[in-house]
Amino acid sequence: MTRWVIEGTWSGYTHSQEKVVHREVTNNEKFVKALLKLGSITFSDGTCLSIGIRKANYRERVKPINGYGALINDCIRHGSRSVTELQQAKEWVETGEVKR
């Protein structure tokens, strides 16, 4: 069974602030395909969370960083690529109305 390492890298306000803020391991192929489609999540301040995926090496130990798992899952569930889109999608679900 193939294992993938998912890393979320925050862009920061300058290049020197770029850092890995999320890391997890999965063997769920549907999740990996959804992440490939998603690519990155843009925050309202203009920074973004870039999502990188690679196959884990045999017997590789990966230290998880539980930073943005809920946000990533919500964006996949609602088909959003930004926090602003995600907030709108959640409002639409709550109210049952489509606002334009």
PDB file of N, CA and C in Angstrom:
ATOM      1  N   MET A   1       0.847  -1.183   0.000  1.00  0.00           N
ATOM      2  CA  MET A   1       0.000   0.000   0.000  1.00  0.00           C
ATOM      3  C   MET A   1       0.893   1.248   0.000  1.00  0.00           C
ATOM      4  N   THR A   2       0.560   2.184  -0.842  1.00  0.00           N
ATOM      5  CA  THR A   2       1.343   3.405  -0.969  1.00  0.00           C
ATOM      6  C   THR A   2       0.979   4.398   0.127  1.00  0.00           C
ATOM      7  N   ARG A   3       2.007   5.006   0.715  1.00  0.00           N
ATOM      8  CA  ARG A   3       1.808   6.073   1.694  1.00  0.00           C
ATOM      9  C   ARG A   3       2.302   7.380   1.084  1.00  0.00           C
ATOM     10  N   TRP A   4       1.559   8.443   1.333  1.00  0.00           N
ATOM     11  CA  TRP A   4       1.945   9.766   0.858  1.00  0.00           C
ATOM     12  C   TRP A   4       2.169  10.695   2.041  1.00  0.00           C
ATOM     13  N   VAL A   5       3.135  11.589   1.877  1.00  0.00           N
ATOM     14  CA  VAL A   5       3.394  12.620   2.866  1.00  0.00           C
ATOM     15  C   VAL A   5       2.817  13.913   2.304  1.00  0.00           C
ATOM     16  N   ILE A   6       1.951  14.548   3.076  1.00  0.00           N
ATOM     17  CA  ILE A   6       1.339  15.812   2.687  1.00  0.00           C
ATOM     18  C   ILE A   6       1.944  16.904   3.560  1.00  0.00           C
ATOM     19  N   GLU A   7       2.490  17.934   2.911  1.00  0.00           N
ATOM     20  CA  GLU A   7       3.066  19.057   3.643  1.00  0.00           C
ATOM     21  C   GLU A   7       2.422  20.349   3.181  1.00  0.00           C
ATOM     22  N   GLY A   8       2.006  21.139   4.149  1.00  0.00           N
ATOM     23  CA  GLY A   8       1.462  22.462   3.871  1.00  0.00           C
ATOM     24  C   GLY A   8       2.496  23.504   4.239  1.00  0.00           C
ATOM     25  N   THR A   9       2.894  24.320   3.264  1.00  0.00           N
ATOM     26  CA  THR A   9       3.903  25.352   3.483  1.00  0.00           C
ATOM     27  C   THR A   9       3.245  26.717   3.406  1.00  0.00           C
ATOM     28  N   TRP A  10       3.362  27.478   4.486  1.00  0.00           N
ATOM     29  CA  TRP A  10       2.810  28.838   4.522  1.00  0.00           C
ATOM     30  C   TRP A  10       3.781  29.757   3.819  1.00  0.00           C
ATOM     31  N   SER A  11       3.277  30.619   2.935  1.00  0.00           N
ATOM     32  CA  SER A  11       4.131  31.487   2.129  1.00  0.00           C
ATOM     33  C   SER A  11       4.778  32.603   2.941  1.00  0.00           C
ATOM     34  N   GLY A  12       4.140  33.030   4.011  1.00  0.00           N
ATOM     35  CA  GLY A  12       4.678  34.132   4.802  1.00  0.00           C
ATOM     36  C   GLY A  12       4.514  35.449   4.078  1.00  0.00           C
ATOM     37  N   TYR A  13       4.893  36.516   4.746  1.00  0.00           N
ATOM     38  CA  TYR A  13       4.786  37.854   4.150  1.00  0.00           C
ATOM     39  C   TYR A  13       6.026  38.175   3.337  1.00  0.00           C
ATOM     40  N   THR A  14       7.134  37.520   3.659  1.00  0.00           N
ATOM     41  CA  THR A  14       8.361  37.627   2.867  1.00  0.00           C
ATOM     42  C   THR A  14       8.883  36.215   2.638  1.00  0.00           C
ATOM     43  N   HIS A  15       9.775  36.070   1.691  1.00  0.00           N
ATOM     44  CA  HIS A  15      10.308  34.748   1.365  1.00  0.00           C
ATOM     45  C   HIS A  15      10.985  34.095   2.576  1.00  0.00           C
ATOM     46  N   SER A  16      11.604  34.895   3.420  1.00  0.00           N
ATOM     47  CA  SER A  16      12.311  34.336   4.575  1.00  0.00           C
ATOM     48  C   SER A  16      11.363  33.776   5.636  1.00  0.00           C
ATOM     49  N   GLN A  17      10.084  34.115   5.568  1.00  0.00           N
ATOM     50  CA  GLN A  17       9.111  33.613   6.554  1.00  0.00           C
ATOM     51  C   GLN A  17       8.462  32.300   6.123  1.00  0.00           C
ATOM     52  N   GLU A  18       8.752  31.814   4.938  1.00  0.00           N
ATOM     53  CA  GLU A  18       8.156  30.578   4.439  1.00  0.00           C
ATOM     54  C   GLU A  18       8.537  29.407   5.335  1.00  0.00           C
ATOM     55  N   LYS A  19       7.515  28.613   5.752  1.00  0.00           N
ATOM     56  CA  LYS A  19       7.808  27.458   6.599  1.00  0.00           C
ATOM     57  C   LYS A  19       6.698  26.421   6.530  1.00  0.00           C
ATOM     58  N   VAL A  20       7.063  25.179   6.838  1.00  0.00           N
ATOM     59  CA  VAL A  20       6.106  24.076   6.860  1.00  0.00           C
ATOM     60  C   VAL A  20       5.284  24.177   8.131  1.00  0.00           C
ATOM     61  N   VAL A  21       3.953  24.260   7.975  1.00  0.00           N
ATOM     62  CA  VAL A  21       3.065  24.413   9.126  1.00  0.00           C
ATOM     63  C   VAL A  21       2.095  23.245   9.281  1.00  0.00           C
ATOM     64  N   HIS A  22       2.118  22.326   8.305  1.00  0.00           N
ATOM     65  CA  HIS A  22       1.237  21.158   8.389  1.00  0.00           C
ATOM     66  C   HIS A  22       1.943  19.974   7.727  1.00  0.00           C
ATOM     67  N   ARG A  23       1.856  18.810   8.382  1.00  0.00           N
ATOM     68  CA  ARG A  23       2.419  17.595   7.794  1.00  0.00           C
ATOM     69  C   ARG A  23       1.604  16.408   8.286  1.00  0.00           C
ATOM     70  N   GLU A  24       1.269  15.535   7.360  1.00  0.00           N
ATOM     71  CA  GLU A  24       0.557  14.317   7.721  1.00  0.00           C
ATOM     72  C   GLU A  24       0.876  13.226   6.720  1.00  0.00           C
ATOM     73  N   VAL A  25       0.580  11.994   7.085  1.00  0.00           N
ATOM     74  CA  VAL A  25       0.780  10.843   6.217  1.00  0.00           C
ATOM     75  C   VAL A  25      -0.575  10.204   5.977  1.00  0.00           C
ATOM     76  N   THR A  26      -0.819   9.795   4.730  1.00  0.00           N
ATOM     77  CA  THR A  26      -2.084   9.143   4.402  1.00  0.00           C
ATOM     78  C   THR A  26      -1.854   8.036   3.386  1.00  0.00           C
ATOM     79  N   ASN A  27      -2.770   7.096   3.340  1.00  0.00           N
ATOM     80  CA  ASN A  27      -2.776   6.095   2.279  1.00  0.00           C
ATOM     81  C   ASN A  27      -4.106   6.148   1.517  1.00  0.00           C
ATOM     82  N   ASN A  28      -4.863   7.224   1.724  1.00  0.00           N
ATOM     83  CA  ASN A  28      -6.156   7.425   1.092  1.00  0.00           C
ATOM     84  C   ASN A  28      -5.962   8.093  -0.277  1.00  0.00           C
ATOM     85  N   GLU A  29      -6.113   7.314  -1.331  1.00  0.00           N
ATOM     86  CA  GLU A  29      -5.865   7.805  -2.685  1.00  0.00           C
ATOM     87  C   GLU A  29      -6.868   8.885  -3.105  1.00  0.00           C
ATOM     88  N   LYS A  30      -8.114   8.770  -2.679  1.00  0.00           N
ATOM     89  CA  LYS A  30      -9.113   9.803  -3.004  1.00  0.00           C
ATOM     90  C   LYS A  30      -8.738  11.147  -2.383  1.00  0.00           C
ATOM     91  N   PHE A  31      -8.235  11.105  -1.161  1.00  0.00           N
ATOM     92  CA  PHE A  31      -7.798  12.318  -0.475  1.00  0.00           C
ATOM     93  C   PHE A  31      -6.622  12.957  -1.220  1.00  0.00           C
ATOM     94  N   VAL A  32      -5.677  12.151  -1.657  1.00  0.00           N
ATOM     95  CA  VAL A  32      -4.515  12.658  -2.387  1.00  0.00           C
ATOM     96  C   VAL A  32      -4.948  13.302  -3.701  1.00  0.00           C
ATOM     97  N   LYS A  33      -5.873  12.677  -4.414  1.00  0.00           N
ATOM     98  CA  LYS A  33      -6.364  13.256  -5.672  1.00  0.00           C
ATOM     99  C   LYS A  33      -7.069  14.587  -5.420  1.00  0.00           C
ATOM    100  N   ALA A  34      -7.833  14.671  -4.343  1.00  0.00           N
ATOM    101  CA  ALA A  34      -8.509  15.927  -3.997  1.00  0.00           C
ATOM    102  C   ALA A  34      -7.491  17.013  -3.646  1.00  0.00           C
ATOM    103  N   LEU A  35      -6.424  16.640  -2.969  1.00  0.00           N
ATOM    104  CA  LEU A  35      -5.372  17.599  -2.622  1.00  0.00           C
ATOM    105  C   LEU A  35      -4.640  18.083  -3.868  1.00  0.00           C
ATOM    106  N   LEU A  36      -4.388  17.185  -4.809  1.00  0.00           N
ATOM    107  CA  LEU A  36      -3.744  17.587  -6.058  1.00  0.00           C
ATOM    108  C   LEU A  36      -4.606  18.590  -6.816  1.00  0.00           C
ATOM    109  N   LYS A  37      -5.909  18.367  -6.790  1.00  0.00           N
ATOM    110  CA  LYS A  37      -6.833  19.297  -7.441  1.00  0.00           C
ATOM    111  C   LYS A  37      -6.861  20.643  -6.714  1.00  0.00           C
ATOM    112  N   LEU A  38      -6.795  20.611  -5.400  1.00  0.00           N
ATOM    113  CA  LEU A  38      -6.838  21.831  -4.593  1.00  0.00           C
ATOM    114  C   LEU A  38      -5.576  22.668  -4.776  1.00  0.00           C
ATOM    115  N   GLY A  39      -4.414  22.081  -4.608  1.00  0.00           N
ATOM    116  CA  GLY A  39      -3.146  22.765  -4.846  1.00  0.00           C
ATOM    117  C   GLY A  39      -2.702  23.713  -3.751  1.00  0.00           C
ATOM    118  N   SER A  40      -3.490  24.731  -3.465  1.00  0.00           N
ATOM    119  CA  SER A  40      -3.141  25.692  -2.412  1.00  0.00           C
ATOM    120  C   SER A  40      -4.404  26.365  -1.903  1.00  0.00           C
ATOM    121  N   ILE A  41      -4.273  27.001  -0.741  1.00  0.00           N
ATOM    122  CA  ILE A  41      -5.374  27.743  -0.116  1.00  0.00           C
ATOM    123  C   ILE A  41      -4.883  29.156   0.143  1.00  0.00           C
ATOM    124  N   THR A  42      -5.630  30.136  -0.338  1.00  0.00           N
ATOM    125  CA  THR A  42      -5.259  31.535  -0.152  1.00  0.00           C
ATOM    126  C   THR A  42      -5.978  32.096   1.066  1.00  0.00           C
ATOM    127  N   PHE A  43      -5.216  32.778   1.927  1.00  0.00           N
ATOM    128  CA  PHE A  43      -5.781  33.419   3.103  1.00  0.00           C
ATOM    129  C   PHE A  43      -6.208  34.841   2.751  1.00  0.00           C
ATOM    130  N   SER A  44      -7.040  35.437   3.575  1.00  0.00           N
ATOM    131  CA  SER A  44      -7.574  36.777   3.299  1.00  0.00           C
ATOM    132  C   SER A  44      -6.504  37.862   3.358  1.00  0.00           C
ATOM    133  N   ASP A  45      -5.360  37.585   3.990  1.00  0.00           N
ATOM    134  CA  ASP A  45      -4.283  38.584   4.047  1.00  0.00           C
ATOM    135  C   ASP A  45      -3.324  38.492   2.865  1.00  0.00           C
ATOM    136  N   GLY A  46      -3.624  37.611   1.903  1.00  0.00           N
ATOM    137  CA  GLY A  46      -2.807  37.484   0.698  1.00  0.00           C
ATOM    138  C   GLY A  46      -1.772  36.381   0.748  1.00  0.00           C
ATOM    139  N   THR A  47      -1.522  35.813   1.919  1.00  0.00           N
ATOM    140  CA  THR A  47      -0.588  34.694   2.014  1.00  0.00           C
ATOM    141  C   THR A  47      -1.307  33.417   1.595  1.00  0.00           C
ATOM    142  N   CYS A  48      -0.549  32.340   1.409  1.00  0.00           N
ATOM    143  CA  CYS A  48      -1.210  31.100   1.020  1.00  0.00           C
ATOM    144  C   CYS A  48      -0.533  29.889   1.652  1.00  0.00           C
ATOM    145  N   LEU A  49      -1.278  28.810   1.668  1.00  0.00           N
ATOM    146  CA  LEU A  49      -0.805  27.519   2.147  1.00  0.00           C
ATOM    147  C   LEU A  49      -0.659  26.634   0.920  1.00  0.00           C
ATOM    148  N   SER A  50       0.566  26.387   0.495  1.00  0.00           N
ATOM    149  CA  SER A  50       0.832  25.515  -0.648  1.00  0.00           C
ATOM    150  C   SER A  50       0.892  24.082  -0.159  1.00  0.00           C
ATOM    151  N   ILE A  51       0.232  23.192  -0.874  1.00  0.00           N
ATOM    152  CA  ILE A  51       0.161  21.805  -0.454  1.00  0.00           C
ATOM    153  C   ILE A  51       1.042  20.958  -1.361  1.00  0.00           C
ATOM    154  N   GLY A  52       2.031  20.325  -0.743  1.00  0.00           N
ATOM    155  CA  GLY A  52       2.938  19.440  -1.475  1.00  0.00           C
ATOM    156  C   GLY A  52       2.665  18.001  -1.103  1.00  0.00           C
ATOM    157  N   ILE A  53       2.783  17.116  -2.093  1.00  0.00           N
ATOM    158  CA  ILE A  53       2.513  15.692  -1.873  1.00  0.00           C
ATOM    159  C   ILE A  53       3.663  14.888  -2.478  1.00  0.00           C
ATOM    160  N   ARG A  54       4.134  13.906  -1.726  1.00  0.00           N
ATOM    161  CA  ARG A  54       5.160  13.004  -2.237  1.00  0.00           C
ATOM    162  C   ARG A  54       4.949  11.628  -1.632  1.00  0.00           C
ATOM    163  N   LYS A  55       5.464  10.616  -2.314  1.00  0.00           N
ATOM    164  CA  LYS A  55       5.389   9.264  -1.771  1.00  0.00           C
ATOM    165  C   LYS A  55       6.389   9.132  -0.628  1.00  0.00           C
ATOM    166  N   ALA A  56       5.947   8.489   0.420  1.00  0.00           N
ATOM    167  CA  ALA A  56       6.827   8.253   1.568  1.00  0.00           C
ATOM    168  C   ALA A  56       7.814   7.143   1.215  1.00  0.00           C
ATOM    169  N   ASN A  57       9.039   7.297   1.650  1.00  0.00           N
ATOM    170  CA  ASN A  57      10.047   6.262   1.453  1.00  0.00           C
ATOM    171  C   ASN A  57       9.740   5.059   2.332  1.00  0.00           C
ATOM    172  N   TYR A  58      10.242   3.925   1.946  1.00  0.00           N
ATOM    173  CA  TYR A  58      10.052   2.700   2.706  1.00  0.00           C
ATOM    174  C   TYR A  58      10.575   2.884   4.125  1.00  0.00           C
ATOM    175  N   ARG A  59       9.753   2.603   5.096  1.00  0.00           N
ATOM    176  CA  ARG A  59      10.058   2.717   6.525  1.00  0.00           C
ATOM    177  C   ARG A  59      10.411   4.135   6.978  1.00  0.00           C
ATOM    178  N   GLU A  60      10.053   5.120   6.195  1.00  0.00           N
ATOM    179  CA  GLU A  60      10.323   6.508   6.582  1.00  0.00           C
ATOM    180  C   GLU A  60       9.438   6.902   7.756  1.00  0.00           C
ATOM    181  N   ARG A  61      10.053   7.511   8.745  1.00  0.00           N
ATOM    182  CA  ARG A  61       9.290   8.057   9.860  1.00  0.00           C
ATOM    183  C   ARG A  61       9.034   9.521   9.575  1.00  0.00           C
ATOM    184  N   VAL A  62       7.781   9.896   9.668  1.00  0.00           N
ATOM    185  CA  VAL A  62       7.382  11.268   9.384  1.00  0.00           C
ATOM    186  C   VAL A  62       6.783  11.864  10.648  1.00  0.00           C
ATOM    187  N   LYS A  63       7.342  12.981  11.076  1.00  0.00           N
ATOM    188  CA  LYS A  63       6.826  13.654  12.266  1.00  0.00           C
ATOM    189  C   LYS A  63       5.649  14.541  11.857  1.00  0.00           C
ATOM    190  N   PRO A  64       4.434  14.202  12.303  1.00  0.00           N
ATOM    191  CA  PRO A  64       3.266  15.004  11.915  1.00  0.00           C
ATOM    192  C   PRO A  64       3.264  16.380  12.580  1.00  0.00           C
ATOM    193  N   ILE A  65       2.734  17.339  11.857  1.00  0.00           N
ATOM    194  CA  ILE A  65       2.480  18.682  12.378  1.00  0.00           C
ATOM    195  C   ILE A  65       0.996  18.938  12.146  1.00  0.00           C
ATOM    196  N   ASN A  66       0.218  18.932  13.204  1.00  0.00           N
ATOM    197  CA  ASN A  66      -1.231  19.091  13.082  1.00  0.00           C
ATOM    198  C   ASN A  66      -1.594  20.568  13.119  1.00  0.00           C
ATOM    199  N   GLY A  67      -1.446  21.234  11.978  1.00  0.00           N
ATOM    200  CA  GLY A  67      -1.697  22.662  11.938  1.00  0.00           C
ATOM    201  C   GLY A  67      -2.966  23.058  11.213  1.00  0.00           C
ATOM    202  N   TYR A  68      -3.158  22.548  10.005  1.00  0.00           N
ATOM    203  CA  TYR A  68      -4.245  23.040   9.167  1.00  0.00           C
ATOM    204  C   TYR A  68      -5.118  21.927   8.595  1.00  0.00           C
ATOM    205  N   GLY A  69      -5.155  20.789   9.240  1.00  0.00           N
ATOM    206  CA  GLY A  69      -5.937  19.656   8.755  1.00  0.00           C
ATOM    207  C   GLY A  69      -7.417  19.966   8.585  1.00  0.00           C
ATOM    208  N   ALA A  70      -8.004  20.646   9.555  1.00  0.00           N
ATOM    209  CA  ALA A  70      -9.437  20.975   9.481  1.00  0.00           C
ATOM    210  C   ALA A  70      -9.713  21.931   8.322  1.00  0.00           C
ATOM    211  N   LEU A  71      -8.852  22.927   8.136  1.00  0.00           N
ATOM    212  CA  LEU A  71      -9.030  23.878   7.036  1.00  0.00           C
ATOM    213  C   LEU A  71      -8.910  23.176   5.693  1.00  0.00           C
ATOM    214  N   ILE A  72      -7.920  22.316   5.549  1.00  0.00           N
ATOM    215  CA  ILE A  72      -7.726  21.585   4.300  1.00  0.00           C
ATOM    216  C   ILE A  72      -8.952  20.721   4.003  1.00  0.00           C
ATOM    217  N   ASN A  73      -9.428  19.986   4.997  1.00  0.00           N
ATOM    218  CA  ASN A  73     -10.607  19.125   4.803  1.00  0.00           C
ATOM    219  C   ASN A  73     -11.848  19.944   4.456  1.00  0.00           C
ATOM    220  N   ASP A  74     -12.042  21.090   5.119  1.00  0.00           N
ATOM    221  CA  ASP A  74     -13.193  21.953   4.814  1.00  0.00           C
ATOM    222  C   ASP A  74     -13.115  22.483   3.387  1.00  0.00           C
ATOM    223  N   CYS A  75     -11.933  22.884   2.951  1.00  0.00           N
ATOM    224  CA  CYS A  75     -11.780  23.402   1.590  1.00  0.00           C
ATOM    225  C   CYS A  75     -12.075  22.326   0.555  1.00  0.00           C
ATOM    226  N   ILE A  76     -11.643  21.110   0.812  1.00  0.00           N
ATOM    227  CA  ILE A  76     -11.952  20.004  -0.103  1.00  0.00           C
ATOM    228  C   ILE A  76     -13.448  19.741  -0.116  1.00  0.00           C
ATOM    229  N   ARG A  77     -14.051  19.673   1.061  1.00  0.00           N
ATOM    230  CA  ARG A  77     -15.484  19.383   1.184  1.00  0.00           C
ATOM    231  C   ARG A  77     -16.347  20.416   0.463  1.00  0.00           C
ATOM    232  N   HIS A  78     -15.975  21.695   0.568  1.00  0.00           N
ATOM    233  CA  HIS A  78     -16.781  22.769  -0.013  1.00  0.00           C
ATOM    234  C   HIS A  78     -16.280  23.224  -1.380  1.00  0.00           C
ATOM    235  N   GLY A  79     -15.186  22.652  -1.864  1.00  0.00           N
ATOM    236  CA  GLY A  79     -14.653  23.025  -3.164  1.00  0.00           C
ATOM    237  C   GLY A  79     -14.121  24.448  -3.205  1.00  0.00           C
ATOM    238  N   SER A  80     -13.512  24.891  -2.123  1.00  0.00           N
ATOM    239  CA  SER A  80     -13.016  26.268  -2.010  1.00  0.00           C
ATOM    240  C   SER A  80     -11.498  26.286  -2.094  1.00  0.00           C
ATOM    241  N   ARG A  81     -10.965  27.343  -2.707  1.00  0.00           N
ATOM    242  CA  ARG A  81      -9.513  27.504  -2.790  1.00  0.00           C
ATOM    243  C   ARG A  81      -9.017  28.692  -1.983  1.00  0.00           C
ATOM    244  N   SER A  82      -9.918  29.332  -1.254  1.00  0.00           N
ATOM    245  CA  SER A  82      -9.515  30.445  -0.392  1.00  0.00           C
ATOM    246  C   SER A  82     -10.394  30.438   0.854  1.00  0.00           C
ATOM    247  N   VAL A  83      -9.909  31.094   1.889  1.00  0.00           N
ATOM    248  CA  VAL A  83     -10.671  31.180   3.135  1.00  0.00           C
ATOM    249  C   VAL A  83     -11.942  31.989   2.915  1.00  0.00           C
ATOM    250  N   THR A  84     -11.875  33.014   2.083  1.00  0.00           N
ATOM    251  CA  THR A  84     -13.054  33.829   1.781  1.00  0.00           C
ATOM    252  C   THR A  84     -14.128  32.986   1.097  1.00  0.00           C
ATOM    253  N   GLU A  85     -13.741  32.194   0.091  1.00  0.00           N
ATOM    254  CA  GLU A  85     -14.690  31.303  -0.589  1.00  0.00           C
ATOM    255  C   GLU A  85     -15.279  30.293   0.388  1.00  0.00           C
ATOM    256  N   LEU A  86     -14.450  29.783   1.281  1.00  0.00           N
ATOM    257  CA  LEU A  86     -14.903  28.806   2.259  1.00  0.00           C
ATOM    258  C   LEU A  86     -15.946  29.405   3.194  1.00  0.00           C
ATOM    259  N   GLN A  87     -15.711  30.632   3.657  1.00  0.00           N
ATOM    260  CA  GLN A  87     -16.682  31.293   4.534  1.00  0.00           C
ATOM    261  C   GLN A  87     -18.005  31.490   3.808  1.00  0.00           C
ATOM    262  N   GLN A  88     -17.958  31.889   2.542  1.00  0.00           N
ATOM    263  CA  GLN A  88     -19.189  32.062   1.767  1.00  0.00           C
ATOM    264  C   GLN A  88     -19.909  30.735   1.593  1.00  0.00           C
ATOM    265  N   ALA A  89     -19.164  29.685   1.280  1.00  0.00           N
ATOM    266  CA  ALA A  89     -19.772  28.368   1.089  1.00  0.00           C
ATOM    267  C   ALA A  89     -20.440  27.887   2.369  1.00  0.00           C
ATOM    268  N   LYS A  90     -19.806  28.116   3.509  1.00  0.00           N
ATOM    269  CA  LYS A  90     -20.412  27.713   4.783  1.00  0.00           C
ATOM    270  C   LYS A  90     -21.674  28.517   5.078  1.00  0.00           C
ATOM    271  N   GLU A  91     -21.674  29.807   4.741  1.00  0.00           N
ATOM    272  CA  GLU A  91     -22.881  30.625   4.920  1.00  0.00           C
ATOM    273  C   GLU A  91     -24.007  30.117   4.036  1.00  0.00           C
ATOM    274  N   TRP A  92     -23.682  29.741   2.813  1.00  0.00           N
ATOM    275  CA  TRP A  92     -24.702  29.232   1.896  1.00  0.00           C
ATOM    276  C   TRP A  92     -25.317  27.944   2.429  1.00  0.00           C
ATOM    277  N   VAL A  93     -24.488  27.085   2.998  1.00  0.00           N
ATOM    278  CA  VAL A  93     -24.988  25.833   3.556  1.00  0.00           C
ATOM    279  C   VAL A  93     -25.887  26.102   4.753  1.00  0.00           C
ATOM    280  N   GLU A  94     -25.479  27.027   5.625  1.00  0.00           N
ATOM    281  CA  GLU A  94     -26.261  27.348   6.825  1.00  0.00           C
ATOM    282  C   GLU A  94     -27.615  27.968   6.484  1.00  0.00           C
ATOM    283  N   THR A  95     -27.622  28.907   5.546  1.00  0.00           N
ATOM    284  CA  THR A  95     -28.854  29.631   5.224  1.00  0.00           C
ATOM    285  C   THR A  95     -29.683  28.933   4.146  1.00  0.00           C
ATOM    286  N   GLY A  96     -29.036  28.100   3.348  1.00  0.00           N
ATOM    287  CA  GLY A  96     -29.742  27.450   2.243  1.00  0.00           C
ATOM    288  C   GLY A  96     -29.942  28.374   1.064  1.00  0.00           C
ATOM    289  N   GLU A  97     -29.315  29.532   1.107  1.00  0.00           N
ATOM    290  CA  GLU A  97     -29.455  30.523   0.027  1.00  0.00           C
ATOM    291  C   GLU A  97     -28.146  30.660  -0.723  1.00  0.00           C
ATOM    292  N   VAL A  98     -28.248  30.936  -2.004  1.00  0.00           N
ATOM    293  CA  VAL A  98     -27.073  31.216  -2.809  1.00  0.00           C
ATOM    294  C   VAL A  98     -27.023  32.739  -2.988  1.00  0.00           C
ATOM    295  N   LYS A  99     -25.980  33.345  -2.418  1.00  0.00           N
ATOM    296  CA  LYS A  99     -25.829  34.797  -2.518  1.00  0.00           C
ATOM    297  C   LYS A  99     -24.866  35.096  -3.649  1.00  0.00           C
ATOM    298  N   ARG A 100     -25.186  36.090  -4.432  1.00  0.00           N
ATOM    299  CA  ARG A 100     -24.295  36.461  -5.558  1.00  0.00           C
ATOM    300  C   ARG A 100     -23.898  37.889  -5.443  1.00  0.00           C
TER     301      ARG A 100
END
